[in-house]
Amino acid sequence: MLKKLTTLEQVYAIIQDDPVRPRIPADWRIAHGREVYTLVNEHQNEPQAVICVAYCRDIPTNEQDMNNTGEDVAVFYTVWSYSRGAGRTIVNQVFDHIHTTRPCKRYVTLSPLTEMAERFHTKNGAQLLARHNTAQNFEYKREAPAPESRKAENAQD
């Protein structure tokens, strides 16, 4: 189950485990234009994965660029998981949630310059956009169905 964290207490409790950007304060993570989500095990109410999202005007090349809030670009700037496969699940679920609830045009990462980050994102369907001095960007896309597919879906309705 996907759960949005809305209080400082919730965010403080979880960010101590952030392996990517532990120095970003909890209040910044849930300020205007930013969100934190967890994937929760419904039976035990324990987090399986966490993702932090910033909404920006442009694709950021570093952490400071994420201060340029906007609606065009959803930036996944840190993801971690506590169980195998949960990282992929949370990225996909948050992408789908944002895609249906916000007017974002692009979905990108601000990832560390590591092989692990590159493998994770490319394995999960993202494409490398750029490498910068301190970070790299990958883009996630969802293709619209072909016109023939939409006609077939409409015919079934």
Protein backbone atom coordinates (compact mmCIF):
# COMPACT_ATOMS: atom_id res chain seq x y z
CA MET A 1 0.00 0.00 0.00
CA LEU A 2 1.35 3.43 -0.97
CA LYS A 3 1.27 5.99 1.84
CA LYS A 4 2.14 9.70 1.67
CA LEU A 5 3.96 11.02 4.72
CA THR A 6 2.58 14.40 5.79
CA THR A 7 4.02 15.14 9.24
CA LEU A 8 7.54 15.97 10.36
CA GLU A 9 7.39 13.14 12.87
CA GLN A 10 6.68 10.61 10.13
CA VAL A 11 9.51 11.94 7.96
CA TYR A 12 12.01 12.20 10.84
CA ALA A 13 11.36 8.56 11.70
CA ILE A 14 12.17 7.36 8.19
CA ILE A 15 14.92 9.64 6.80
CA GLN A 16 17.54 8.35 9.20
CA ASP A 17 17.82 5.37 6.81
CA ASP A 18 18.26 7.48 3.64
CA PRO A 19 21.46 6.18 2.00
CA VAL A 20 21.46 8.77 -0.81
CA ARG A 21 20.73 12.19 0.69
CA PRO A 22 20.57 11.88 4.50
CA ARG A 23 21.56 15.54 5.00
CA ILE A 24 18.35 16.91 3.42
CA PRO A 25 16.19 18.00 6.37
CA ALA A 26 12.75 16.55 7.02
CA ASP A 27 10.96 19.90 6.78
CA TRP A 28 12.42 20.53 3.30
CA ARG A 29 11.23 17.10 2.12
CA ILE A 30 7.56 17.90 2.80
CA ALA A 31 7.58 21.65 2.13
CA HIS A 32 5.52 23.08 -0.76
CA GLY A 33 6.42 21.25 -3.97
CA ARG A 34 7.86 18.18 -2.27
CA GLU A 35 6.51 14.84 -1.07
CA VAL A 36 7.63 11.65 0.65
CA TYR A 37 5.96 8.29 0.06
CA THR A 38 6.39 4.89 1.65
CA LEU A 39 5.37 1.48 0.42
CA VAL A 40 3.90 -0.18 3.49
CA ASN A 41 3.43 -3.86 4.23
CA GLU A 42 -0.31 -3.94 4.95
CA HIS A 43 -0.13 -6.83 7.41
CA GLN A 44 2.66 -5.49 9.61
CA ASN A 45 2.36 -1.75 8.77
CA GLU A 46 6.13 -1.63 8.17
CA PRO A 47 7.81 0.35 5.39
CA GLN A 48 9.12 -1.70 2.48
CA ALA A 49 10.51 1.25 0.49
CA VAL A 50 10.70 5.05 0.55
CA ILE A 51 10.83 7.65 -2.23
CA CYS A 52 11.21 11.43 -2.03
CA VAL A 53 9.88 13.64 -4.83
CA ALA A 54 10.47 17.31 -5.66
CA TYR A 55 8.36 19.14 -8.24
CA CYS A 56 10.48 21.51 -10.32
CA ARG A 57 10.28 23.88 -13.27
CA ASP A 58 13.26 22.26 -14.99
CA ILE A 59 15.38 19.13 -14.72
CA PRO A 60 17.81 19.69 -11.83
CA THR A 61 21.53 19.10 -12.24
CA ASN A 62 22.25 19.28 -8.49
CA GLU A 63 20.41 19.47 -5.16
CA GLN A 64 20.24 23.27 -5.20
CA ASP A 65 18.31 23.21 -8.49
CA MET A 66 15.47 21.42 -6.70
CA ASN A 67 14.67 24.74 -4.98
CA ASN A 68 13.18 25.93 -8.30
CA THR A 69 9.73 24.54 -7.59
CA GLY A 70 7.20 24.12 -10.35
CA GLU A 71 4.78 21.62 -11.84
CA ASP A 72 6.51 20.48 -15.02
CA VAL A 73 9.05 17.95 -13.70
CA ALA A 74 8.62 15.32 -10.98
CA VAL A 75 12.08 14.57 -9.61
CA PHE A 76 12.70 11.32 -7.75
CA TYR A 77 15.75 12.40 -5.74
CA THR A 78 16.13 9.51 -3.33
CA VAL A 79 14.80 5.96 -3.23
CA TRP A 80 15.63 3.16 -0.85
CA SER A 81 14.10 -0.16 0.04
CA TYR A 82 14.02 -2.62 2.90
CA SER A 83 13.01 -5.63 0.83
CA ARG A 84 13.91 -6.99 -2.59
CA GLY A 85 11.81 -5.56 -5.42
CA ALA A 86 10.19 -2.87 -3.26
CA GLY A 87 12.29 -0.08 -4.83
CA ARG A 88 10.96 -0.89 -8.28
CA THR A 89 7.41 -1.17 -6.95
CA ILE A 90 7.46 2.21 -5.23
CA VAL A 91 8.93 3.99 -8.27
CA ASN A 92 6.19 2.55 -10.49
CA GLN A 93 3.36 3.23 -8.02
CA VAL A 94 4.45 6.80 -7.32
CA PHE A 95 4.91 7.44 -11.05
CA ASP A 96 1.37 6.21 -11.71
CA HIS A 97 -0.03 8.23 -8.78
CA ILE A 98 1.64 11.46 -9.89
CA HIS A 99 0.70 10.82 -13.52
CA THR A 100 -2.99 10.73 -12.57
CA THR A 101 -3.01 13.51 -9.94
CA ARG A 102 -0.58 16.21 -11.12
CA PRO A 103 0.14 18.06 -14.38
CA CYS A 104 3.78 16.91 -14.64
CA LYS A 105 5.21 16.54 -18.13
CA ARG A 106 8.43 14.71 -17.21
CA TYR A 107 9.52 12.19 -14.59
CA VAL A 108 13.23 12.20 -13.86
CA THR A 109 15.74 11.28 -11.19
CA LEU A 110 18.54 13.18 -9.52
CA SER A 111 20.69 10.15 -8.83
CA PRO A 112 24.16 9.70 -7.39
CA LEU A 113 27.04 8.94 -9.74
CA THR A 114 27.13 5.25 -8.90
CA GLU A 115 26.86 2.05 -10.90
CA MET A 116 24.18 0.85 -8.51
CA ALA A 117 21.94 3.85 -9.29
CA GLU A 118 22.54 3.43 -13.02
CA ARG A 119 21.73 -0.29 -12.93
CA PHE A 120 18.61 0.28 -10.83
CA HIS A 121 17.11 2.92 -13.09
CA THR A 122 18.02 1.39 -16.45
CA LYS A 123 16.81 -2.04 -15.28
CA ASN A 124 13.50 -0.40 -14.37
CA GLY A 125 13.01 1.22 -17.77
CA ALA A 126 14.55 4.68 -17.32
CA GLN A 127 16.92 6.20 -19.84
CA LEU A 128 20.05 8.17 -18.97
CA LEU A 129 19.57 11.85 -19.81
CA ALA A 130 22.78 13.44 -18.53
CA ARG A 131 25.72 13.12 -16.14
CA HIS A 132 26.76 16.16 -14.13
CA ASN A 133 29.53 16.89 -11.61
CA THR A 134 27.65 15.50 -8.60
CA ALA A 135 24.62 13.67 -10.00
CA GLN A 136 23.02 12.05 -13.04
CA ASN A 137 19.51 12.22 -14.46
CA PHE A 138 17.42 9.33 -15.73
CA GLU A 139 13.98 9.73 -17.26
CA TYR A 140 10.98 7.46 -16.80
CA LYS A 141 8.33 7.53 -19.51
CA ARG A 142 4.98 5.89 -19.99
CA GLU A 143 3.99 5.56 -23.58
CA ALA A 144 0.43 6.34 -24.54
CA PRO A 145 -1.36 3.38 -26.12
CA ALA A 146 -1.38 3.28 -29.89
CA PRO A 147 -4.54 4.76 -31.49
CA GLU A 148 -5.64 1.26 -32.54
CA SER A 149 -5.38 0.05 -28.93
CA ARG A 150 -7.49 2.97 -27.67
CA LYS A 151 -10.15 2.24 -30.31
CA ALA A 152 -10.27 -1.38 -29.20
CA GLU A 153 -10.54 -0.34 -25.53
CA ASN A 154 -13.34 2.12 -26.33
CA ALA A 155 -15.21 -0.54 -28.26
CA GLN A 156 -15.17 -2.78 -25.19
CA ASP A 157 -16.64 -0.09 -22.91
